[in-house]
Amino acid sequence: MAGDDLVAMVNGGLNFAKAWGSGRVKLEANVFDLFRLRKLL
């Protein structure tokens, strides 16, 4: 992830799902980690 993308995501200007779908964000985690992350959001 580029620094500009991270700042935009934190500020609410970049949707994580869209960025992930387009390849701008890469996530390396297992399914259980994703469920834990979802609880935090």
N, C-alpha and C. Protein backbone atom coordinates (compact mmCIF):
# COMPACT_ATOMS: atom_id res chain seq x y z
N MET A 1 0.84 -1.16 0.00
CA MET A 1 0.00 0.00 0.00
C MET A 1 0.90 1.23 0.00
N ALA A 2 0.55 2.17 -0.81
CA ALA A 2 1.29 3.43 -0.85
C ALA A 2 0.88 4.30 0.33
N GLY A 3 1.77 5.17 0.73
CA GLY A 3 1.51 6.05 1.86
C GLY A 3 0.28 6.92 1.66
N ASP A 4 0.09 7.40 0.44
CA ASP A 4 -1.08 8.24 0.15
C ASP A 4 -2.37 7.46 0.31
N ASP A 5 -2.35 6.20 -0.08
CA ASP A 5 -3.53 5.35 0.07
C ASP A 5 -3.85 5.11 1.55
N LEU A 6 -2.81 4.92 2.36
CA LEU A 6 -3.02 4.70 3.79
C LEU A 6 -3.64 5.94 4.43
N VAL A 7 -3.13 7.10 4.11
CA VAL A 7 -3.68 8.34 4.66
C VAL A 7 -5.12 8.53 4.22
N ALA A 8 -5.41 8.26 2.96
CA ALA A 8 -6.79 8.41 2.46
C ALA A 8 -7.73 7.43 3.15
N MET A 9 -7.26 6.22 3.42
CA MET A 9 -8.09 5.23 4.08
C MET A 9 -8.38 5.63 5.53
N VAL A 10 -7.37 6.12 6.22
CA VAL A 10 -7.55 6.55 7.61
C VAL A 10 -8.48 7.76 7.68
N ASN A 11 -8.38 8.66 6.74
CA ASN A 11 -9.23 9.85 6.71
C ASN A 11 -10.64 9.57 6.20
N GLY A 12 -10.86 8.37 5.70
CA GLY A 12 -12.19 8.02 5.20
C GLY A 12 -12.40 8.31 3.73
N GLY A 13 -11.36 8.72 3.03
CA GLY A 13 -11.49 9.05 1.62
C GLY A 13 -11.31 7.86 0.69
N LEU A 14 -10.87 6.73 1.23
CA LEU A 14 -10.65 5.54 0.41
C LEU A 14 -11.33 4.36 1.08
N ASN A 15 -12.21 3.73 0.35
CA ASN A 15 -12.93 2.56 0.85
C ASN A 15 -12.01 1.35 0.77
N PHE A 16 -11.87 0.63 1.88
CA PHE A 16 -10.97 -0.52 1.92
C PHE A 16 -11.36 -1.58 0.91
N ALA A 17 -12.64 -1.92 0.84
CA ALA A 17 -13.09 -2.99 -0.06
C ALA A 17 -12.78 -2.66 -1.52
N LYS A 18 -13.03 -1.42 -1.91
CA LYS A 18 -12.74 -1.02 -3.30
C LYS A 18 -11.25 -1.02 -3.58
N ALA A 19 -10.47 -0.53 -2.61
CA ALA A 19 -9.01 -0.50 -2.79
C ALA A 19 -8.45 -1.91 -2.86
N TRP A 20 -8.97 -2.80 -2.04
CA TRP A 20 -8.52 -4.20 -2.04
C TRP A 20 -8.91 -4.88 -3.35
N GLY A 21 -10.14 -4.63 -3.81
CA GLY A 21 -10.62 -5.23 -5.05
C GLY A 21 -9.84 -4.77 -6.27
N SER A 22 -9.35 -3.54 -6.22
CA SER A 22 -8.61 -3.01 -7.37
C SER A 22 -7.11 -3.32 -7.28
N GLY A 23 -6.68 -3.91 -6.16
CA GLY A 23 -5.27 -4.26 -6.02
C GLY A 23 -4.40 -3.19 -5.40
N ARG A 24 -4.99 -2.09 -4.97
CA ARG A 24 -4.21 -1.02 -4.34
C ARG A 24 -3.78 -1.40 -2.93
N VAL A 25 -4.53 -2.30 -2.31
CA VAL A 25 -4.22 -2.77 -0.96
C VAL A 25 -4.12 -4.29 -1.00
N LYS A 26 -3.10 -4.82 -0.38
CA LYS A 26 -2.95 -6.27 -0.29
C LYS A 26 -3.02 -6.65 1.18
N LEU A 27 -3.72 -7.73 1.45
CA LEU A 27 -3.92 -8.19 2.82
C LEU A 27 -3.46 -9.63 2.92
N GLU A 28 -2.56 -9.88 3.86
CA GLU A 28 -2.08 -11.24 4.09
C GLU A 28 -2.52 -11.66 5.48
N ALA A 29 -3.56 -12.46 5.53
CA ALA A 29 -4.10 -12.93 6.82
C ALA A 29 -4.93 -14.18 6.56
N ASN A 30 -5.17 -14.93 7.63
CA ASN A 30 -6.05 -16.07 7.47
C ASN A 30 -7.48 -15.65 7.78
N VAL A 31 -8.42 -16.53 7.58
CA VAL A 31 -9.84 -16.21 7.72
C VAL A 31 -10.17 -15.78 9.15
N PHE A 32 -9.58 -16.43 10.13
CA PHE A 32 -9.87 -16.09 11.52
C PHE A 32 -9.39 -14.67 11.86
N ASP A 33 -8.25 -14.27 11.31
CA ASP A 33 -7.77 -12.90 11.53
C ASP A 33 -8.73 -11.89 10.92
N LEU A 34 -9.28 -12.20 9.78
CA LEU A 34 -10.23 -11.30 9.13
C LEU A 34 -11.49 -11.14 9.97
N PHE A 35 -11.96 -12.22 10.58
CA PHE A 35 -13.14 -12.13 11.45
C PHE A 35 -12.84 -11.26 12.67
N ARG A 36 -11.66 -11.40 13.23
CA ARG A 36 -11.27 -10.56 14.38
C ARG A 36 -11.19 -9.09 13.99
N LEU A 37 -10.63 -8.82 12.82
CA LEU A 37 -10.55 -7.46 12.33
C LEU A 37 -11.93 -6.88 12.11
N ARG A 38 -12.84 -7.66 11.60
CA ARG A 38 -14.20 -7.19 11.35
C ARG A 38 -14.88 -6.78 12.65
N LYS A 39 -14.61 -7.49 13.73
CA LYS A 39 -15.19 -7.14 15.03
C LYS A 39 -14.71 -5.76 15.50
N LEU A 40 -13.47 -5.43 15.18
CA LEU A 40 -12.92 -4.13 15.58
C LEU A 40 -13.52 -2.98 14.79
N LEU A 41 -13.87 -3.24 13.54
CA LEU A 41 -14.42 -2.18 12.69
C LEU A 41 -15.89 -2.10 12.92
